[in-house]
All heavy atoms as atom14 arrays in JSON, in Angstrom:
{
  "sequence": "MAPYPLAVPAVSAAMRVTDESVRRQQRVMISEVIEQKSVLLDCLEHQ",
  "atom14_mask": [
    [1, 1, 1, 1, 1, 1, 1, 1, 0, 0, 0, 0, 0, 0],
    [1, 1, 1, 1, 1, 0, 0, 0, 0, 0, 0, 0, 0, 0],
    [1, 1, 1, 1, 1, 1, 1, 0, 0, 0, 0, 0, 0, 0],
    [1, 1, 1, 1, 1, 1, 1, 1, 1, 1, 1, 1, 0, 0],
    [1, 1, 1, 1, 1, 1, 1, 0, 0, 0, 0, 0, 0, 0],
    [1, 1, 1, 1, 1, 1, 1, 1, 0, 0, 0, 0, 0, 0],
    [1, 1, 1, 1, 1, 0, 0, 0, 0, 0, 0, 0, 0, 0],
    [1, 1, 1, 1, 1, 1, 1, 0, 0, 0, 0, 0, 0, 0],
    [1, 1, 1, 1, 1, 1, 1, 0, 0, 0, 0, 0, 0, 0],
    [1, 1, 1, 1, 1, 0, 0, 0, 0, 0, 0, 0, 0, 0],
    [1, 1, 1, 1, 1, 1, 1, 0, 0, 0, 0, 0, 0, 0],
    [1, 1, 1, 1, 1, 1, 0, 0, 0, 0, 0, 0, 0, 0],
    [1, 1, 1, 1, 1, 0, 0, 0, 0, 0, 0, 0, 0, 0],
    [1, 1, 1, 1, 1, 0, 0, 0, 0, 0, 0, 0, 0, 0],
    [1, 1, 1, 1, 1, 1, 1, 1, 0, 0, 0, 0, 0, 0],
    [1, 1, 1, 1, 1, 1, 1, 1, 1, 1, 1, 0, 0, 0],
    [1, 1, 1, 1, 1, 1, 1, 0, 0, 0, 0, 0, 0, 0],
    [1, 1, 1, 1, 1, 1, 1, 0, 0, 0, 0, 0, 0, 0],
    [1, 1, 1, 1, 1, 1, 1, 1, 0, 0, 0, 0, 0, 0],
    [1, 1, 1, 1, 1, 1, 1, 1, 1, 0, 0, 0, 0, 0],
    [1, 1, 1, 1, 1, 1, 0, 0, 0, 0, 0, 0, 0, 0],
    [1, 1, 1, 1, 1, 1, 1, 0, 0, 0, 0, 0, 0, 0],
    [1, 1, 1, 1, 1, 1, 1, 1, 1, 1, 1, 0, 0, 0],
    [1, 1, 1, 1, 1, 1, 1, 1, 1, 1, 1, 0, 0, 0],
    [1, 1, 1, 1, 1, 1, 1, 1, 1, 0, 0, 0, 0, 0],
    [1, 1, 1, 1, 1, 1, 1, 1, 1, 0, 0, 0, 0, 0],
    [1, 1, 1, 1, 1, 1, 1, 1, 1, 1, 1, 0, 0, 0],
    [1, 1, 1, 1, 1, 1, 1, 0, 0, 0, 0, 0, 0, 0],
    [1, 1, 1, 1, 1, 1, 1, 1, 0, 0, 0, 0, 0, 0],
    [1, 1, 1, 1, 1, 1, 1, 1, 0, 0, 0, 0, 0, 0],
    [1, 1, 1, 1, 1, 1, 0, 0, 0, 0, 0, 0, 0, 0],
    [1, 1, 1, 1, 1, 1, 1, 1, 1, 0, 0, 0, 0, 0],
    [1, 1, 1, 1, 1, 1, 1, 0, 0, 0, 0, 0, 0, 0],
    [1, 1, 1, 1, 1, 1, 1, 1, 0, 0, 0, 0, 0, 0],
    [1, 1, 1, 1, 1, 1, 1, 1, 1, 0, 0, 0, 0, 0],
    [1, 1, 1, 1, 1, 1, 1, 1, 1, 0, 0, 0, 0, 0],
    [1, 1, 1, 1, 1, 1, 1, 1, 1, 0, 0, 0, 0, 0],
    [1, 1, 1, 1, 1, 1, 0, 0, 0, 0, 0, 0, 0, 0],
    [1, 1, 1, 1, 1, 1, 1, 0, 0, 0, 0, 0, 0, 0],
    [1, 1, 1, 1, 1, 1, 1, 1, 0, 0, 0, 0, 0, 0],
    [1, 1, 1, 1, 1, 1, 1, 1, 0, 0, 0, 0, 0, 0],
    [1, 1, 1, 1, 1, 1, 1, 1, 0, 0, 0, 0, 0, 0],
    [1, 1, 1, 1, 1, 1, 0, 0, 0, 0, 0, 0, 0, 0],
    [1, 1, 1, 1, 1, 1, 1, 1, 0, 0, 0, 0, 0, 0],
    [1, 1, 1, 1, 1, 1, 1, 1, 1, 0, 0, 0, 0, 0],
    [1, 1, 1, 1, 1, 1, 1, 1, 1, 1, 0, 0, 0, 0],
    [1, 1, 1, 1, 1, 1, 1, 1, 1, 0, 0, 0, 0, 0]
  ],
  "atom14_positions": [
    [[-55.71, -88.0, 124.22], [-56.93, -87.28, 124.61], [-56.77, -85.79, 124.32], [-55.69, -85.23, 124.46], [-57.19, -87.45, 126.11], [-57.77, -88.8, 126.47], [-58.04, -88.99, 128.26], [-58.88, -87.51, 128.7], [0.0, 0.0, 0.0], [0.0, 0.0, 0.0], [0.0, 0.0, 0.0], [0.0, 0.0, 0.0], [0.0, 0.0, 0.0], [0.0, 0.0, 0.0]],
    [[-57.86, -85.18, 123.92], [-57.87, -83.73, 123.73], [-57.68, -83.06, 125.09], [-58.16, -83.56, 126.1], [-59.19, -83.3, 123.11], [0.0, 0.0, 0.0], [0.0, 0.0, 0.0], [0.0, 0.0, 0.0], [0.0, 0.0, 0.0], [0.0, 0.0, 0.0], [0.0, 0.0, 0.0], [0.0, 0.0, 0.0], [0.0, 0.0, 0.0], [0.0, 0.0, 0.0]],
    [[-56.97, -81.92, 125.12], [-56.74, -81.27, 126.41], [-58.04, -80.78, 127.05], [-58.15, -80.72, 128.27], [-55.83, -80.1, 126.07], [-55.95, -79.92, 124.6], [-56.36, -81.24, 124.02], [0.0, 0.0, 0.0], [0.0, 0.0, 0.0], [0.0, 0.0, 0.0], [0.0, 0.0, 0.0], [0.0, 0.0, 0.0], [0.0, 0.0, 0.0], [0.0, 0.0, 0.0]],
    [[-59.02, -80.42, 126.24], [-60.33, -79.98, 126.73], [-61.38, -80.79, 125.99], [-61.89, -80.37, 124.96], [-60.55, -78.49, 126.48], [-59.5, -77.65, 127.15], [-58.43, -77.13, 126.45], [-59.58, -77.39, 128.52], [-57.47, -76.36, 127.08], [-58.61, -76.63, 129.16], [-57.56, -76.11, 128.44], [-56.61, -75.37, 129.06], [0.0, 0.0, 0.0], [0.0, 0.0, 0.0]],
    [[-61.7, -81.98, 126.49], [-62.66, -82.82, 125.79], [-64.01, -82.11, 125.65], [-64.47, -81.45, 126.58], [-62.78, -84.07, 126.65], [-61.85, -83.9, 127.79], [-61.24, -82.55, 127.73], [0.0, 0.0, 0.0], [0.0, 0.0, 0.0], [0.0, 0.0, 0.0], [0.0, 0.0, 0.0], [0.0, 0.0, 0.0], [0.0, 0.0, 0.0], [0.0, 0.0, 0.0]],
    [[-64.6, -82.23, 124.49], [-65.91, -81.63, 124.22], [-66.93, -82.73, 124.05], [-66.67, -83.74, 123.4], [-65.85, -80.77, 122.96], [-64.87, -79.6, 123.02], [-64.75, -78.95, 121.65], [-65.33, -78.59, 124.05], [0.0, 0.0, 0.0], [0.0, 0.0, 0.0], [0.0, 0.0, 0.0], [0.0, 0.0, 0.0], [0.0, 0.0, 0.0], [0.0, 0.0, 0.0]],
    [[-68.09, -82.51, 124.6], [-69.17, -83.49, 124.49], [-69.67, -83.53, 123.05], [-69.71, -82.5, 122.36], [-70.31, -83.12, 125.43], [0.0, 0.0, 0.0], [0.0, 0.0, 0.0], [0.0, 0.0, 0.0], [0.0, 0.0, 0.0], [0.0, 0.0, 0.0], [0.0, 0.0, 0.0], [0.0, 0.0, 0.0], [0.0, 0.0, 0.0], [0.0, 0.0, 0.0]],
    [[-70.06, -84.7, 122.61], [-70.56, -84.88, 121.25], [-71.75, -83.97, 120.95], [-71.79, -83.33, 119.89], [-70.89, -86.37, 120.98], [-71.61, -86.54, 119.65], [-69.62, -87.2, 121.02], [0.0, 0.0, 0.0], [0.0, 0.0, 0.0], [0.0, 0.0, 0.0], [0.0, 0.0, 0.0], [0.0, 0.0, 0.0], [0.0, 0.0, 0.0], [0.0, 0.0, 0.0]],
    [[-72.73, -83.81, 121.85], [-73.84, -82.89, 121.55], [-73.38, -81.45, 121.34], [-73.9, -80.74, 120.49], [-74.75, -83.01, 122.77], [-74.43, -84.34, 123.37], [-72.97, -84.55, 123.09], [0.0, 0.0, 0.0], [0.0, 0.0, 0.0], [0.0, 0.0, 0.0], [0.0, 0.0, 0.0], [0.0, 0.0, 0.0], [0.0, 0.0, 0.0], [0.0, 0.0, 0.0]],
    [[-72.38, -81.01, 122.11], [-71.87, -79.64, 121.95], [-71.19, -79.46, 120.6], [-71.4, -78.46, 119.91], [-70.91, -79.3, 123.08], [0.0, 0.0, 0.0], [0.0, 0.0, 0.0], [0.0, 0.0, 0.0], [0.0, 0.0, 0.0], [0.0, 0.0, 0.0], [0.0, 0.0, 0.0], [0.0, 0.0, 0.0], [0.0, 0.0, 0.0], [0.0, 0.0, 0.0]],
    [[-70.41, -80.44, 120.19], [-69.75, -80.38, 118.89], [-70.79, -80.42, 117.77], [-70.71, -79.65, 116.81], [-68.73, -81.53, 118.74], [-68.17, -81.59, 117.32], [-67.6, -81.37, 119.75], [0.0, 0.0, 0.0], [0.0, 0.0, 0.0], [0.0, 0.0, 0.0], [0.0, 0.0, 0.0], [0.0, 0.0, 0.0], [0.0, 0.0, 0.0], [0.0, 0.0, 0.0]],
    [[-71.79, -81.26, 117.9], [-72.85, -81.35, 116.89], [-73.6, -80.03, 116.76], [-73.87, -79.57, 115.65], [-73.84, -82.46, 117.24], [-73.21, -83.71, 117.2], [0.0, 0.0, 0.0], [0.0, 0.0, 0.0], [0.0, 0.0, 0.0], [0.0, 0.0, 0.0], [0.0, 0.0, 0.0], [0.0, 0.0, 0.0], [0.0, 0.0, 0.0], [0.0, 0.0, 0.0]],
    [[-73.91, -79.42, 117.89], [-74.62, -78.13, 117.86], [-73.76, -77.06, 117.21], [-74.24, -76.26, 116.4], [-75.0, -77.71, 119.28], [0.0, 0.0, 0.0], [0.0, 0.0, 0.0], [0.0, 0.0, 0.0], [0.0, 0.0, 0.0], [0.0, 0.0, 0.0], [0.0, 0.0, 0.0], [0.0, 0.0, 0.0], [0.0, 0.0, 0.0], [0.0, 0.0, 0.0]],
    [[-72.48, -77.04, 117.54], [-71.57, -76.05, 116.93], [-71.47, -76.26, 115.42], [-71.46, -75.29, 114.65], [-70.19, -76.16, 117.57], [0.0, 0.0, 0.0], [0.0, 0.0, 0.0], [0.0, 0.0, 0.0], [0.0, 0.0, 0.0], [0.0, 0.0, 0.0], [0.0, 0.0, 0.0], [0.0, 0.0, 0.0], [0.0, 0.0, 0.0], [0.0, 0.0, 0.0]],
    [[-71.45, -77.49, 114.99], [-71.36, -77.77, 113.55], [-72.65, -77.35, 112.84], [-72.61, -76.84, 111.72], [-71.07, -79.26, 113.31], [-69.72, -79.7, 113.83], [-68.34, -78.77, 113.15], [-68.37, -79.3, 111.46], [0.0, 0.0, 0.0], [0.0, 0.0, 0.0], [0.0, 0.0, 0.0], [0.0, 0.0, 0.0], [0.0, 0.0, 0.0], [0.0, 0.0, 0.0]],
    [[-73.79, -77.55, 113.49], [-75.07, -77.17, 112.88], [-75.17, -75.66, 112.67], [-75.65, -75.21, 111.65], [-76.25, -77.67, 113.71], [-76.59, -79.13, 113.47], [-77.95, -79.49, 114.05], [-78.12, -79.14, 115.45], [-77.76, -79.91, 116.47], [-77.19, -81.09, 116.25], [-77.95, -79.53, 117.7], [0.0, 0.0, 0.0], [0.0, 0.0, 0.0], [0.0, 0.0, 0.0]],
    [[-74.74, -74.87, 113.66], [-74.89, -73.42, 113.54], [-73.94, -72.81, 112.52], [-74.11, -71.67, 112.11], [-74.76, -72.67, 114.89], [-75.84, -73.1, 115.85], [-73.39, -72.82, 115.48], [0.0, 0.0, 0.0], [0.0, 0.0, 0.0], [0.0, 0.0, 0.0], [0.0, 0.0, 0.0], [0.0, 0.0, 0.0], [0.0, 0.0, 0.0], [0.0, 0.0, 0.0]],
    [[-72.94, -73.56, 112.11], [-72.06, -73.04, 111.06], [-72.57, -73.38, 109.67], [-72.02, -72.9, 108.69], [-70.62, -73.58, 111.23], [-70.65, -75.01, 111.14], [-70.03, -73.16, 112.56], [0.0, 0.0, 0.0], [0.0, 0.0, 0.0], [0.0, 0.0, 0.0], [0.0, 0.0, 0.0], [0.0, 0.0, 0.0], [0.0, 0.0, 0.0], [0.0, 0.0, 0.0]],
    [[-73.62, -74.17, 109.59], [-74.21, -74.51, 108.3], [-74.8, -73.25, 107.66], [-75.42, -72.43, 108.32], [-75.3, -75.57, 108.51], [-75.91, -76.01, 107.21], [-75.24, -76.74, 106.47], [-77.06, -75.61, 106.95], [0.0, 0.0, 0.0], [0.0, 0.0, 0.0], [0.0, 0.0, 0.0], [0.0, 0.0, 0.0], [0.0, 0.0, 0.0], [0.0, 0.0, 0.0]],
    [[-74.64, -73.1, 106.37], [-75.1, -71.89, 105.66], [-76.6, -71.68, 105.78], [-77.05, -70.54, 105.92], [-74.68, -71.95, 104.18], [-75.08, -70.71, 103.39], [-74.55, -69.4, 103.98], [-73.43, -69.38, 104.52], [-75.29, -68.39, 103.91], [0.0, 0.0, 0.0], [0.0, 0.0, 0.0], [0.0, 0.0, 0.0], [0.0, 0.0, 0.0], [0.0, 0.0, 0.0]],
    [[-77.39, -72.73, 105.75], [-78.84, -72.56, 105.84], [-79.23, -72.0, 107.22], [-80.12, -71.15, 107.33], [-79.58, -73.87, 105.58], [-79.3, -74.81, 106.59], [0.0, 0.0, 0.0], [0.0, 0.0, 0.0], [0.0, 0.0, 0.0], [0.0, 0.0, 0.0], [0.0, 0.0, 0.0], [0.0, 0.0, 0.0], [0.0, 0.0, 0.0], [0.0, 0.0, 0.0]],
    [[-78.55, -72.43, 108.27], [-78.82, -71.91, 109.61], [-78.37, -70.46, 109.7], [-79.07, -69.61, 110.25], [-78.13, -72.78, 110.68], [-78.26, -72.17, 112.06], [-78.7, -74.19, 110.67], [0.0, 0.0, 0.0], [0.0, 0.0, 0.0], [0.0, 0.0, 0.0], [0.0, 0.0, 0.0], [0.0, 0.0, 0.0], [0.0, 0.0, 0.0], [0.0, 0.0, 0.0]],
    [[-77.23, -70.15, 109.13], [-76.75, -68.76, 109.14], [-77.69, -67.86, 108.37], [-77.95, -66.72, 108.77], [-75.33, -68.7, 108.58], [-74.34, -69.34, 109.56], [-72.93, -69.41, 109.09], [-72.48, -68.22, 108.42], [-71.51, -68.22, 107.52], [-70.92, -69.34, 107.19], [-71.12, -67.1, 106.96], [0.0, 0.0, 0.0], [0.0, 0.0, 0.0], [0.0, 0.0, 0.0]],
    [[-78.27, -68.36, 107.3], [-79.25, -67.59, 106.52], [-80.5, -67.32, 107.37], [-81.01, -66.2, 107.4], [-79.6, -68.35, 105.24], [-80.35, -67.56, 104.23], [-80.53, -68.26, 102.87], [-80.41, -69.71, 102.84], [-79.34, -70.39, 102.41], [-78.27, -69.75, 101.97], [-79.32, -71.7, 102.41], [0.0, 0.0, 0.0], [0.0, 0.0, 0.0], [0.0, 0.0, 0.0]],
    [[-80.97, -68.34, 108.08], [-82.12, -68.17, 108.98], [-81.81, -67.14, 110.07], [-82.67, -66.32, 110.42], [-82.49, -69.5, 109.64], [-83.14, -70.49, 108.72], [-83.36, -71.82, 109.42], [-82.55, -72.27, 110.23], [-84.48, -72.47, 109.1], [0.0, 0.0, 0.0], [0.0, 0.0, 0.0], [0.0, 0.0, 0.0], [0.0, 0.0, 0.0], [0.0, 0.0, 0.0]],
    [[-80.6, -67.18, 110.6], [-80.22, -66.22, 111.64], [-80.23, -64.79, 111.08], [-80.69, -63.86, 111.75], [-78.83, -66.55, 112.18], [-78.8, -67.8, 113.02], [-77.39, -68.23, 113.38], [-76.42, -67.9, 112.69], [-77.26, -68.97, 114.47], [0.0, 0.0, 0.0], [0.0, 0.0, 0.0], [0.0, 0.0, 0.0], [0.0, 0.0, 0.0], [0.0, 0.0, 0.0]],
    [[-79.73, -64.61, 109.85], [-79.73, -63.28, 109.25], [-81.15, -62.77, 109.05], [-81.44, -61.6, 109.29], [-78.96, -63.29, 107.92], [-77.45, -63.36, 108.11], [-76.7, -63.1, 106.83], [-76.93, -64.1, 105.79], [-76.21, -65.21, 105.65], [-75.21, -65.46, 106.48], [-76.48, -66.06, 104.68], [0.0, 0.0, 0.0], [0.0, 0.0, 0.0], [0.0, 0.0, 0.0]],
    [[-82.06, -63.65, 108.64], [-83.46, -63.27, 108.46], [-84.06, -62.88, 109.81], [-84.76, -61.85, 109.92], [-84.27, -64.42, 107.8], [-85.77, -64.17, 107.88], [-83.84, -64.61, 106.36], [0.0, 0.0, 0.0], [0.0, 0.0, 0.0], [0.0, 0.0, 0.0], [0.0, 0.0, 0.0], [0.0, 0.0, 0.0], [0.0, 0.0, 0.0], [0.0, 0.0, 0.0]],
    [[-83.79, -63.66, 110.83], [-84.32, -63.37, 112.16], [-83.78, -62.05, 112.69], [-84.53, -61.22, 113.23], [-83.97, -64.51, 113.13], [-84.57, -64.34, 114.51], [-84.21, -65.71, 115.62], [-82.45, -65.66, 115.72], [0.0, 0.0, 0.0], [0.0, 0.0, 0.0], [0.0, 0.0, 0.0], [0.0, 0.0, 0.0], [0.0, 0.0, 0.0], [0.0, 0.0, 0.0]],
    [[-82.5, -61.81, 112.52], [-81.9, -60.56, 112.98], [-82.49, -59.37, 112.23], [-82.81, -58.34, 112.82], [-80.36, -60.6, 112.84], [-79.78, -61.58, 113.86], [-79.75, -59.21, 113.01], [-78.32, -61.92, 113.65], [0.0, 0.0, 0.0], [0.0, 0.0, 0.0], [0.0, 0.0, 0.0], [0.0, 0.0, 0.0], [0.0, 0.0, 0.0], [0.0, 0.0, 0.0]],
    [[-82.69, -59.54, 110.95], [-83.3, -58.48, 110.14], [-84.71, -58.16, 110.63], [-85.1, -56.99, 110.73], [-83.32, -58.91, 108.67], [-83.95, -57.95, 107.89], [0.0, 0.0, 0.0], [0.0, 0.0, 0.0], [0.0, 0.0, 0.0], [0.0, 0.0, 0.0], [0.0, 0.0, 0.0], [0.0, 0.0, 0.0], [0.0, 0.0, 0.0], [0.0, 0.0, 0.0]],
    [[-85.49, -59.2, 110.97], [-86.84, -59.0, 111.47], [-86.82, -58.29, 112.82], [-87.62, -57.39, 113.07], [-87.6, -60.32, 111.6], [-89.02, -60.13, 112.07], [-89.82, -61.41, 112.18], [-89.36, -62.45, 111.68], [-90.9, -61.36, 112.78], [0.0, 0.0, 0.0], [0.0, 0.0, 0.0], [0.0, 0.0, 0.0], [0.0, 0.0, 0.0], [0.0, 0.0, 0.0]],
    [[-85.9, -58.66, 113.69], [-85.79, -58.01, 114.99], [-85.46, -56.53, 114.81], [-86.06, -55.66, 115.45], [-84.74, -58.7, 115.89], [-84.4, -57.85, 117.11], [-85.24, -60.07, 116.33], [0.0, 0.0, 0.0], [0.0, 0.0, 0.0], [0.0, 0.0, 0.0], [0.0, 0.0, 0.0], [0.0, 0.0, 0.0], [0.0, 0.0, 0.0], [0.0, 0.0, 0.0]],
    [[-84.54, -56.21, 113.91], [-84.16, -54.82, 113.67], [-85.36, -54.03, 113.14], [-85.63, -52.92, 113.6], [-82.97, -54.75, 112.69], [-81.7, -55.27, 113.37], [-82.76, -53.32, 112.17], [-80.53, -55.49, 112.43], [0.0, 0.0, 0.0], [0.0, 0.0, 0.0], [0.0, 0.0, 0.0], [0.0, 0.0, 0.0], [0.0, 0.0, 0.0], [0.0, 0.0, 0.0]],
    [[-86.09, -54.63, 112.22], [-87.27, -53.96, 111.67], [-88.34, -53.74, 112.74], [-88.88, -52.64, 112.88], [-87.85, -54.78, 110.52], [-89.09, -54.18, 109.91], [-89.68, -55.07, 108.83], [-88.96, -55.89, 108.25], [-90.89, -54.93, 108.58], [0.0, 0.0, 0.0], [0.0, 0.0, 0.0], [0.0, 0.0, 0.0], [0.0, 0.0, 0.0], [0.0, 0.0, 0.0]],
    [[-88.64, -54.79, 113.51], [-89.66, -54.67, 114.55], [-89.25, -53.71, 115.66], [-90.08, -53.01, 116.23], [-90.0, -56.05, 115.12], [-90.73, -56.95, 114.16], [-91.98, -56.28, 113.6], [-92.78, -55.71, 114.32], [-92.13, -56.36, 112.29], [0.0, 0.0, 0.0], [0.0, 0.0, 0.0], [0.0, 0.0, 0.0], [0.0, 0.0, 0.0], [0.0, 0.0, 0.0]],
    [[-87.97, -53.66, 115.93], [-87.47, -52.74, 116.94], [-87.69, -51.3, 116.5], [-88.12, -50.44, 117.29], [-85.98, -53.0, 117.17], [-85.38, -52.22, 118.28], [-83.93, -52.68, 118.44], [-83.27, -52.08, 119.62], [-81.91, -52.6, 119.78], [0.0, 0.0, 0.0], [0.0, 0.0, 0.0], [0.0, 0.0, 0.0], [0.0, 0.0, 0.0], [0.0, 0.0, 0.0]],
    [[-87.45, -51.02, 115.24], [-87.67, -49.69, 114.69], [-89.15, -49.3, 114.78], [-89.48, -48.16, 115.16], [-87.19, -49.66, 113.24], [-87.49, -48.42, 112.65], [0.0, 0.0, 0.0], [0.0, 0.0, 0.0], [0.0, 0.0, 0.0], [0.0, 0.0, 0.0], [0.0, 0.0, 0.0], [0.0, 0.0, 0.0], [0.0, 0.0, 0.0], [0.0, 0.0, 0.0]],
    [[-90.03, -50.22, 114.45], [-91.48, -49.97, 114.51], [-91.91, -49.68, 115.96], [-92.64, -48.73, 116.23], [-92.26, -51.16, 113.92], [-93.75, -51.03, 114.16], [-91.97, -51.29, 112.42], [0.0, 0.0, 0.0], [0.0, 0.0, 0.0], [0.0, 0.0, 0.0], [0.0, 0.0, 0.0], [0.0, 0.0, 0.0], [0.0, 0.0, 0.0], [0.0, 0.0, 0.0]],
    [[-91.45, -50.51, 116.9], [-91.81, -50.32, 118.3], [-91.23, -49.02, 118.84], [-91.89, -48.29, 119.58], [-91.36, -51.51, 119.14], [-91.69, -51.46, 120.63], [-93.19, -51.28, 120.87], [-91.18, -52.72, 121.33], [0.0, 0.0, 0.0], [0.0, 0.0, 0.0], [0.0, 0.0, 0.0], [0.0, 0.0, 0.0], [0.0, 0.0, 0.0], [0.0, 0.0, 0.0]],
    [[-90.01, -48.71, 118.47], [-89.38, -47.48, 118.91], [-90.18, -46.27, 118.43], [-90.44, -45.33, 119.2], [-87.94, -47.41, 118.4], [-87.08, -46.27, 118.91], [-86.97, -46.31, 120.42], [-85.71, -46.34, 118.29], [0.0, 0.0, 0.0], [0.0, 0.0, 0.0], [0.0, 0.0, 0.0], [0.0, 0.0, 0.0], [0.0, 0.0, 0.0], [0.0, 0.0, 0.0]],
    [[-90.62, -46.3, 117.18], [-91.44, -45.22, 116.64], [-92.74, -45.08, 117.44], [-93.16, -43.97, 117.78], [-91.73, -45.46, 115.16], [-92.48, -44.31, 114.54], [-91.97, -43.17, 114.58], [-93.59, -44.54, 114.01], [0.0, 0.0, 0.0], [0.0, 0.0, 0.0], [0.0, 0.0, 0.0], [0.0, 0.0, 0.0], [0.0, 0.0, 0.0], [0.0, 0.0, 0.0]],
    [[-93.36, -46.2, 117.76], [-94.6, -46.18, 118.56], [-94.34, -45.57, 119.94], [-95.11, -44.71, 120.39], [-95.14, -47.6, 118.7], [-96.54, -47.74, 119.83], [0.0, 0.0, 0.0], [0.0, 0.0, 0.0], [0.0, 0.0, 0.0], [0.0, 0.0, 0.0], [0.0, 0.0, 0.0], [0.0, 0.0, 0.0], [0.0, 0.0, 0.0], [0.0, 0.0, 0.0]],
    [[-93.27, -45.98, 120.59], [-92.97, -45.48, 121.93], [-92.67, -43.99, 121.92], [-93.05, -43.27, 122.85], [-91.8, -46.26, 122.54], [-92.07, -47.72, 122.89], [-90.79, -48.41, 123.33], [-93.15, -47.84, 123.95], [0.0, 0.0, 0.0], [0.0, 0.0, 0.0], [0.0, 0.0, 0.0], [0.0, 0.0, 0.0], [0.0, 0.0, 0.0], [0.0, 0.0, 0.0]],
    [[-92.02, -43.51, 120.88], [-91.67, -42.1, 120.81], [-92.9, -41.2, 120.71], [-92.83, -40.02, 121.01], [-90.73, -41.84, 119.63], [-89.33, -42.37, 119.89], [-88.4, -42.24, 118.7], [-88.87, -41.9, 117.59], [-87.2, -42.5, 118.87], [0.0, 0.0, 0.0], [0.0, 0.0, 0.0], [0.0, 0.0, 0.0], [0.0, 0.0, 0.0], [0.0, 0.0, 0.0]],
    [[-94.04, -41.78, 120.32], [-95.27, -41.0, 120.2], [-96.19, -41.15, 121.41], [-97.31, -40.65, 121.39], [-96.01, -41.41, 118.91], [-95.29, -40.95, 117.68], [-94.39, -41.75, 117.02], [-95.32, -39.78, 117.01], [-93.91, -41.09, 115.99], [-94.45, -39.89, 115.97], [0.0, 0.0, 0.0], [0.0, 0.0, 0.0], [0.0, 0.0, 0.0], [0.0, 0.0, 0.0]],
    [[-95.74, -41.83, 122.44], [-96.55, -42.0, 123.65], [-96.22, -40.9, 124.64], [-95.05, -40.67, 124.95], [-96.32, -43.38, 124.28], [-96.62, -44.55, 123.37], [-98.01, -44.5, 122.77], [-98.98, -44.2, 123.46], [-98.11, -44.78, 121.49], [0.0, 0.0, 0.0], [0.0, 0.0, 0.0], [0.0, 0.0, 0.0], [0.0, 0.0, 0.0], [0.0, 0.0, 0.0]]
  ]
}
């Protein structure tokens, strides 16, 4: 037995997030958040 057994759903989820297509989606999402944050920050600075 593994010293720290992991549930199959947890292992499956971990394997999915390491997939390149998922990592690409994450980079796009992070880029959008950074862009939108800049836009909102600019708006707030003028209030």
